[in-house]
Amino acid sequence: MDVDWRALLLVGIVSLAVAVAVVVLVAFALVGLSARSGAARHGGEASAPSASVGTAAACVCLVAAAAIVGFGLYLVVV
């Protein structure tokens, strides 16, 4: 039995990179959702992002994270 160590290393690196990407996307989604409460606290100042922009950014980040997870599940199943 022979182990292809180069392929195993490649799988490990790609898995780590994808895991970090999903965590970062979910973290950005949480930051975007926190803009709702931040806009209310700041009284609608120009420095605070608007609630709609934060929600839209959160949706984009969550959809991207879900797409990455879905593609990974597709690769496992098919």
PDB file of N, CA and C in Angstrom:
ATOM      1  N   MET A   1       0.843  -1.176   0.000  1.00  0.00           N
ATOM      2  CA  MET A   1       0.000   0.000   0.000  1.00  0.00           C
ATOM      3  C   MET A   1       0.889   1.239   0.000  1.00  0.00           C
ATOM      4  N   ASP A   2       0.559   2.148  -0.907  1.00  0.00           N
ATOM      5  CA  ASP A   2       1.373   3.347  -1.064  1.00  0.00           C
ATOM      6  C   ASP A   2       0.484   4.580  -0.870  1.00  0.00           C
ATOM      7  N   VAL A   3       0.951   5.503  -0.060  1.00  0.00           N
ATOM      8  CA  VAL A   3       0.207   6.733   0.209  1.00  0.00           C
ATOM      9  C   VAL A   3       0.798   7.854  -0.635  1.00  0.00           C
ATOM     10  N   ASP A   4      -0.063   8.534  -1.353  1.00  0.00           N
ATOM     11  CA  ASP A   4       0.371   9.686  -2.142  1.00  0.00           C
ATOM     12  C   ASP A   4       0.375  10.902  -1.215  1.00  0.00           C
ATOM     13  N   TRP A   5       1.522  11.179  -0.620  1.00  0.00           N
ATOM     14  CA  TRP A   5       1.633  12.227   0.392  1.00  0.00           C
ATOM     15  C   TRP A   5       1.403  13.611  -0.194  1.00  0.00           C
ATOM     16  N   ARG A   6       1.771  13.814  -1.423  1.00  0.00           N
ATOM     17  CA  ARG A   6       1.572  15.112  -2.054  1.00  0.00           C
ATOM     18  C   ARG A   6       0.075  15.402  -2.212  1.00  0.00           C
ATOM     19  N   ALA A   7      -0.690  14.407  -2.628  1.00  0.00           N
ATOM     20  CA  ALA A   7      -2.132  14.577  -2.763  1.00  0.00           C
ATOM     21  C   ALA A   7      -2.783  14.783  -1.393  1.00  0.00           C
ATOM     22  N   LEU A   8      -2.306  14.061  -0.386  1.00  0.00           N
ATOM     23  CA  LEU A   8      -2.835  14.218   0.965  1.00  0.00           C
ATOM     24  C   LEU A   8      -2.553  15.621   1.504  1.00  0.00           C
ATOM     25  N   LEU A   9      -1.359  16.133   1.247  1.00  0.00           N
ATOM     26  CA  LEU A   9      -1.009  17.484   1.662  1.00  0.00           C
ATOM     27  C   LEU A   9      -1.880  18.513   0.936  1.00  0.00           C
ATOM     28  N   LEU A  10      -2.124  18.299  -0.338  1.00  0.00           N
ATOM     29  CA  LEU A  10      -2.966  19.201  -1.115  1.00  0.00           C
ATOM     30  C   LEU A  10      -4.398  19.223  -0.574  1.00  0.00           C
ATOM     31  N   VAL A  11      -4.923  18.069  -0.239  1.00  0.00           N
ATOM     32  CA  VAL A  11      -6.271  17.994   0.337  1.00  0.00           C
ATOM     33  C   VAL A  11      -6.315  18.722   1.672  1.00  0.00           C
ATOM     34  N   GLY A  12      -5.294  18.565   2.485  1.00  0.00           N
ATOM     35  CA  GLY A  12      -5.248  19.251   3.773  1.00  0.00           C
ATOM     36  C   GLY A  12      -5.186  20.758   3.624  1.00  0.00           C
ATOM     37  N   ILE A  13      -4.385  21.236   2.688  1.00  0.00           N
ATOM     38  CA  ILE A  13      -4.255  22.682   2.472  1.00  0.00           C
ATOM     39  C   ILE A  13      -5.553  23.277   1.940  1.00  0.00           C
ATOM     40  N   VAL A  14      -6.178  22.600   0.986  1.00  0.00           N
ATOM     41  CA  VAL A  14      -7.438  23.097   0.426  1.00  0.00           C
ATOM     42  C   VAL A  14      -8.533  23.077   1.495  1.00  0.00           C
ATOM     43  N   SER A  15      -8.569  22.031   2.295  1.00  0.00           N
ATOM     44  CA  SER A  15      -9.572  21.951   3.361  1.00  0.00           C
ATOM     45  C   SER A  15      -9.398  23.081   4.368  1.00  0.00           C
ATOM     46  N   LEU A  16      -8.167  23.360   4.748  1.00  0.00           N
ATOM     47  CA  LEU A  16      -7.898  24.445   5.684  1.00  0.00           C
ATOM     48  C   LEU A  16      -8.297  25.797   5.091  1.00  0.00           C
ATOM     49  N   ALA A  17      -7.965  26.012   3.832  1.00  0.00           N
ATOM     50  CA  ALA A  17      -8.295  27.282   3.185  1.00  0.00           C
ATOM     51  C   ALA A  17      -9.806  27.474   3.066  1.00  0.00           C
ATOM     52  N   VAL A  18     -10.520  26.431   2.721  1.00  0.00           N
ATOM     53  CA  VAL A  18     -11.973  26.532   2.592  1.00  0.00           C
ATOM     54  C   VAL A  18     -12.615  26.738   3.954  1.00  0.00           C
ATOM     55  N   ALA A  19     -12.115  26.064   4.974  1.00  0.00           N
ATOM     56  CA  ALA A  19     -12.657  26.250   6.328  1.00  0.00           C
ATOM     57  C   ALA A  19     -12.459  27.690   6.794  1.00  0.00           C
ATOM     58  N   VAL A  20     -11.292  28.247   6.543  1.00  0.00           N
ATOM     59  CA  VAL A  20     -11.036  29.636   6.920  1.00  0.00           C
ATOM     60  C   VAL A  20     -11.948  30.577   6.128  1.00  0.00           C
ATOM     61  N   ALA A  21     -12.143  30.295   4.857  1.00  0.00           N
ATOM     62  CA  ALA A  21     -13.004  31.144   4.030  1.00  0.00           C
ATOM     63  C   ALA A  21     -14.440  31.138   4.532  1.00  0.00           C
ATOM     64  N   VAL A  22     -14.950  29.977   4.917  1.00  0.00           N
ATOM     65  CA  VAL A  22     -16.323  29.894   5.418  1.00  0.00           C
ATOM     66  C   VAL A  22     -16.448  30.638   6.748  1.00  0.00           C
ATOM     67  N   VAL A  23     -15.479  30.481   7.623  1.00  0.00           N
ATOM     68  CA  VAL A  23     -15.515  31.180   8.910  1.00  0.00           C
ATOM     69  C   VAL A  23     -15.456  32.693   8.705  1.00  0.00           C
ATOM     70  N   VAL A  24     -14.622  33.160   7.793  1.00  0.00           N
ATOM     71  CA  VAL A  24     -14.522  34.594   7.532  1.00  0.00           C
ATOM     72  C   VAL A  24     -15.822  35.127   6.933  1.00  0.00           C
ATOM     73  N   LEU A  25     -16.430  34.385   6.034  1.00  0.00           N
ATOM     74  CA  LEU A  25     -17.699  34.823   5.448  1.00  0.00           C
ATOM     75  C   LEU A  25     -18.799  34.914   6.493  1.00  0.00           C
ATOM     76  N   VAL A  26     -18.876  33.942   7.393  1.00  0.00           N
ATOM     77  CA  VAL A  26     -19.896  33.992   8.446  1.00  0.00           C
ATOM     78  C   VAL A  26     -19.597  35.145   9.410  1.00  0.00           C
ATOM     79  N   ALA A  27     -18.321  35.396   9.692  1.00  0.00           N
ATOM     80  CA  ALA A  27     -17.970  36.520  10.565  1.00  0.00           C
ATOM     81  C   ALA A  27     -18.360  37.851   9.924  1.00  0.00           C
ATOM     82  N   PHE A  28     -18.116  38.001   8.630  1.00  0.00           N
ATOM     83  CA  PHE A  28     -18.529  39.223   7.935  1.00  0.00           C
ATOM     84  C   PHE A  28     -20.051  39.353   7.915  1.00  0.00           C
ATOM     85  N   ALA A  29     -20.756  38.224   7.818  1.00  0.00           N
ATOM     86  CA  ALA A  29     -22.219  38.267   7.865  1.00  0.00           C
ATOM     87  C   ALA A  29     -22.689  38.772   9.223  1.00  0.00           C
ATOM     88  N   LEU A  30     -22.045  38.327  10.282  1.00  0.00           N
ATOM     89  CA  LEU A  30     -22.417  38.802  11.614  1.00  0.00           C
ATOM     90  C   LEU A  30     -22.115  40.293  11.781  1.00  0.00           C
ATOM     91  N   VAL A  31     -21.012  40.740  11.221  1.00  0.00           N
ATOM     92  CA  VAL A  31     -20.703  42.175  11.269  1.00  0.00           C
ATOM     93  C   VAL A  31     -21.747  42.964  10.481  1.00  0.00           C
ATOM     94  N   GLY A  32     -22.150  42.453   9.344  1.00  0.00           N
ATOM     95  CA  GLY A  32     -23.175  43.128   8.551  1.00  0.00           C
ATOM     96  C   GLY A  32     -24.513  43.178   9.275  1.00  0.00           C
ATOM     97  N   LEU A  33     -24.866  42.094   9.953  1.00  0.00           N
ATOM     98  CA  LEU A  33     -26.120  42.091  10.698  1.00  0.00           C
ATOM     99  C   LEU A  33     -26.053  42.993  11.925  1.00  0.00           C
ATOM    100  N   SER A  34     -24.868  43.175  12.475  1.00  0.00           N
ATOM    101  CA  SER A  34     -24.750  44.056  13.634  1.00  0.00           C
ATOM    102  C   SER A  34     -24.886  45.519  13.236  1.00  0.00           C
ATOM    103  N   ALA A  35     -24.853  45.822  11.955  1.00  0.00           N
ATOM    104  CA  ALA A  35     -25.042  47.201  11.502  1.00  0.00           C
ATOM    105  C   ALA A  35     -26.458  47.675  11.804  1.00  0.00           C
ATOM    106  N   ARG A  36     -27.393  46.736  11.918  1.00  0.00           N
ATOM    107  CA  ARG A  36     -28.764  47.115  12.269  1.00  0.00           C
ATOM    108  C   ARG A  36     -28.805  47.772  13.645  1.00  0.00           C
ATOM    109  N   SER A  37     -28.188  47.137  14.608  1.00  0.00           N
ATOM    110  CA  SER A  37     -28.211  47.703  15.957  1.00  0.00           C
ATOM    111  C   SER A  37     -27.274  48.900  16.055  1.00  0.00           C
ATOM    112  N   GLY A  38     -26.185  48.909  15.280  1.00  0.00           N
ATOM    113  CA  GLY A  38     -25.261  50.034  15.300  1.00  0.00           C
ATOM    114  C   GLY A  38     -25.880  51.291  14.729  1.00  0.00           C
ATOM    115  N   ALA A  39     -26.683  51.151  13.687  1.00  0.00           N
ATOM    116  CA  ALA A  39     -27.336  52.313  13.091  1.00  0.00           C
ATOM    117  C   ALA A  39     -28.370  52.891  14.043  1.00  0.00           C
ATOM    118  N   ALA A  40     -29.045  52.033  14.780  1.00  0.00           N
ATOM    119  CA  ALA A  40     -30.038  52.516  15.734  1.00  0.00           C
ATOM    120  C   ALA A  40     -29.365  53.214  16.914  1.00  0.00           C
ATOM    121  N   ARG A  41     -28.219  52.709  17.350  1.00  0.00           N
ATOM    122  CA  ARG A  41     -27.510  53.315  18.480  1.00  0.00           C
ATOM    123  C   ARG A  41     -26.903  54.660  18.128  1.00  0.00           C
ATOM    124  N   HIS A  42     -26.400  54.790  16.910  1.00  0.00           N
ATOM    125  CA  HIS A  42     -25.729  56.021  16.507  1.00  0.00           C
ATOM    126  C   HIS A  42     -26.718  57.089  16.041  1.00  0.00           C
ATOM    127  N   GLY A  43     -27.964  56.751  15.996  1.00  0.00           N
ATOM    128  CA  GLY A  43     -28.961  57.729  15.575  1.00  0.00           C
ATOM    129  C   GLY A  43     -28.901  58.066  14.096  1.00  0.00           C
ATOM    130  N   GLY A  44     -28.389  57.156  13.275  1.00  0.00           N
ATOM    131  CA  GLY A  44     -28.337  57.382  11.839  1.00  0.00           C
ATOM    132  C   GLY A  44     -27.214  58.297  11.404  1.00  0.00           C
ATOM    133  N   GLU A  45     -26.101  58.295  12.127  1.00  0.00           N
ATOM    134  CA  GLU A  45     -24.960  59.120  11.733  1.00  0.00           C
ATOM    135  C   GLU A  45     -24.388  58.645  10.408  1.00  0.00           C
ATOM    136  N   ALA A  46     -23.610  59.497   9.780  1.00  0.00           N
ATOM    137  CA  ALA A  46     -23.015  59.140   8.486  1.00  0.00           C
ATOM    138  C   ALA A  46     -21.925  58.094   8.641  1.00  0.00           C
ATOM    139  N   SER A  47     -21.284  58.004   9.833  1.00  0.00           N
ATOM    140  CA  SER A  47     -20.198  57.049  10.007  1.00  0.00           C
ATOM    141  C   SER A  47     -20.703  55.622  10.181  1.00  0.00           C
ATOM    142  N   ALA A  48     -21.919  55.478  10.644  1.00  0.00           N
ATOM    143  CA  ALA A  48     -22.476  54.141  10.845  1.00  0.00           C
ATOM    144  C   ALA A  48     -23.079  53.642   9.528  1.00  0.00           C
ATOM    145  N   PRO A  49     -22.787  52.377   9.171  1.00  0.00           N
ATOM    146  CA  PRO A  49     -23.398  51.841   7.945  1.00  0.00           C
ATOM    147  C   PRO A  49     -24.905  51.676   8.126  1.00  0.00           C
ATOM    148  N   SER A  50     -25.634  51.847   7.051  1.00  0.00           N
ATOM    149  CA  SER A  50     -27.083  51.725   7.156  1.00  0.00           C
ATOM    150  C   SER A  50     -27.469  50.266   7.364  1.00  0.00           C
ATOM    151  N   ALA A  51     -28.641  50.083   7.919  1.00  0.00           N
ATOM    152  CA  ALA A  51     -29.114  48.735   8.223  1.00  0.00           C
ATOM    153  C   ALA A  51     -29.332  47.929   6.942  1.00  0.00           C
ATOM    154  N   SER A  52     -29.811  48.568   5.883  1.00  0.00           N
ATOM    155  CA  SER A  52     -30.081  47.829   4.646  1.00  0.00           C
ATOM    156  C   SER A  52     -28.787  47.380   3.970  1.00  0.00           C
ATOM    157  N   VAL A  53     -27.753  48.210   4.018  1.00  0.00           N
ATOM    158  CA  VAL A  53     -26.466  47.817   3.430  1.00  0.00           C
ATOM    159  C   VAL A  53     -25.863  46.667   4.219  1.00  0.00           C
ATOM    160  N   GLY A  54     -25.937  46.742   5.548  1.00  0.00           N
ATOM    161  CA  GLY A  54     -25.415  45.664   6.384  1.00  0.00           C
ATOM    162  C   GLY A  54     -26.153  44.358   6.164  1.00  0.00           C
ATOM    163  N   THR A  55     -27.478  44.446   6.037  1.00  0.00           N
ATOM    164  CA  THR A  55     -28.267  43.241   5.796  1.00  0.00           C
ATOM    165  C   THR A  55     -27.962  42.650   4.429  1.00  0.00           C
ATOM    166  N   ALA A  56     -27.803  43.484   3.423  1.00  0.00           N
ATOM    167  CA  ALA A  56     -27.481  42.995   2.080  1.00  0.00           C
ATOM    168  C   ALA A  56     -26.104  42.328   2.058  1.00  0.00           C
ATOM    169  N   ALA A  57     -25.141  42.945   2.740  1.00  0.00           N
ATOM    170  CA  ALA A  57     -23.803  42.341   2.803  1.00  0.00           C
ATOM    171  C   ALA A  57     -23.841  41.017   3.550  1.00  0.00           C
ATOM    172  N   ALA A  58     -24.632  40.951   4.605  1.00  0.00           N
ATOM    173  CA  ALA A  58     -24.762  39.706   5.360  1.00  0.00           C
ATOM    174  C   ALA A  58     -25.386  38.611   4.503  1.00  0.00           C
ATOM    175  N   CYS A  59     -26.396  38.971   3.725  1.00  0.00           N
ATOM    176  CA  CYS A  59     -27.036  37.979   2.848  1.00  0.00           C
ATOM    177  C   CYS A  59     -26.065  37.458   1.797  1.00  0.00           C
ATOM    178  N   VAL A  60     -25.286  38.347   1.219  1.00  0.00           N
ATOM    179  CA  VAL A  60     -24.311  37.928   0.204  1.00  0.00           C
ATOM    180  C   VAL A  60     -23.277  36.987   0.829  1.00  0.00           C
ATOM    181  N   CYS A  61     -22.799  37.325   2.016  1.00  0.00           N
ATOM    182  CA  CYS A  61     -21.795  36.484   2.675  1.00  0.00           C
ATOM    183  C   CYS A  61     -22.365  35.117   3.041  1.00  0.00           C
ATOM    184  N   LEU A  62     -23.593  35.100   3.553  1.00  0.00           N
ATOM    185  CA  LEU A  62     -24.198  33.818   3.924  1.00  0.00           C
ATOM    186  C   LEU A  62     -24.509  32.952   2.703  1.00  0.00           C
ATOM    187  N   VAL A  63     -24.923  33.575   1.616  1.00  0.00           N
ATOM    188  CA  VAL A  63     -25.175  32.810   0.384  1.00  0.00           C
ATOM    189  C   VAL A  63     -23.863  32.237  -0.155  1.00  0.00           C
ATOM    190  N   ALA A  64     -22.787  33.015  -0.090  1.00  0.00           N
ATOM    191  CA  ALA A  64     -21.486  32.512  -0.547  1.00  0.00           C
ATOM    192  C   ALA A  64     -21.012  31.359   0.329  1.00  0.00           C
ATOM    193  N   ALA A  65     -21.182  31.470   1.643  1.00  0.00           N
ATOM    194  CA  ALA A  65     -20.781  30.387   2.540  1.00  0.00           C
ATOM    195  C   ALA A  65     -21.628  29.138   2.287  1.00  0.00           C
ATOM    196  N   ALA A  66     -22.917  29.333   2.074  1.00  0.00           N
ATOM    197  CA  ALA A  66     -23.790  28.188   1.785  1.00  0.00           C
ATOM    198  C   ALA A  66     -23.424  27.544   0.449  1.00  0.00           C
ATOM    199  N   ALA A  67     -23.029  28.342  -0.530  1.00  0.00           N
ATOM    200  CA  ALA A  67     -22.619  27.790  -1.823  1.00  0.00           C
ATOM    201  C   ALA A  67     -21.350  26.958  -1.687  1.00  0.00           C
ATOM    202  N   ILE A  68     -20.412  27.425  -0.873  1.00  0.00           N
ATOM    203  CA  ILE A  68     -19.177  26.663  -0.658  1.00  0.00           C
ATOM    204  C   ILE A  68     -19.490  25.335   0.022  1.00  0.00           C
ATOM    205  N   VAL A  69     -20.328  25.375   1.052  1.00  0.00           N
ATOM    206  CA  VAL A  69     -20.692  24.147   1.760  1.00  0.00           C
ATOM    207  C   VAL A  69     -21.468  23.214   0.843  1.00  0.00           C
ATOM    208  N   GLY A  70     -22.385  23.763   0.072  1.00  0.00           N
ATOM    209  CA  GLY A  70     -23.158  22.937  -0.857  1.00  0.00           C
ATOM    210  C   GLY A  70     -22.291  22.287  -1.916  1.00  0.00           C
ATOM    211  N   PHE A  71     -21.307  23.027  -2.430  1.00  0.00           N
ATOM    212  CA  PHE A  71     -20.400  22.449  -3.424  1.00  0.00           C
ATOM    213  C   PHE A  71     -19.566  21.335  -2.806  1.00  0.00           C
ATOM    214  N   GLY A  72     -19.134  21.522  -1.567  1.00  0.00           N
ATOM    215  CA  GLY A  72     -18.384  20.469  -0.889  1.00  0.00           C
ATOM    216  C   GLY A  72     -19.216  19.217  -0.692  1.00  0.00           C
ATOM    217  N   LEU A  73     -20.473  19.394  -0.306  1.00  0.00           N
ATOM    218  CA  LEU A  73     -21.362  18.234  -0.165  1.00  0.00           C
ATOM    219  C   LEU A  73     -21.622  17.565  -1.513  1.00  0.00           C
ATOM    220  N   TYR A  74     -21.741  18.363  -2.555  1.00  0.00           N
ATOM    221  CA  TYR A  74     -21.919  17.811  -3.901  1.00  0.00           C
ATOM    222  C   TYR A  74     -20.712  16.950  -4.292  1.00  0.00           C
ATOM    223  N   LEU A  75     -19.512  17.437  -3.980  1.00  0.00           N
ATOM    224  CA  LEU A  75     -18.315  16.676  -4.312  1.00  0.00           C
ATOM    225  C   LEU A  75     -18.238  15.368  -3.533  1.00  0.00           C
ATOM    226  N   VAL A  76     -18.712  15.373  -2.308  1.00  0.00           N
ATOM    227  CA  VAL A  76     -18.693  14.153  -1.498  1.00  0.00           C
ATOM    228  C   VAL A  76     -19.714  13.150  -2.004  1.00  0.00           C
ATOM    229  N   VAL A  77     -20.913  13.619  -2.337  1.00  0.00           N
ATOM    230  CA  VAL A  77     -21.994  12.717  -2.727  1.00  0.00           C
ATOM    231  C   VAL A  77     -21.796  12.172  -4.129  1.00  0.00           C
ATOM    232  N   VAL A  78     -21.392  13.037  -5.063  1.00  0.00           N
ATOM    233  CA  VAL A  78     -21.291  12.605  -6.467  1.00  0.00           C
ATOM    234  C   VAL A  78     -19.954  12.064  -6.784  1.00  0.00           C
TER     235      VAL A  78
END
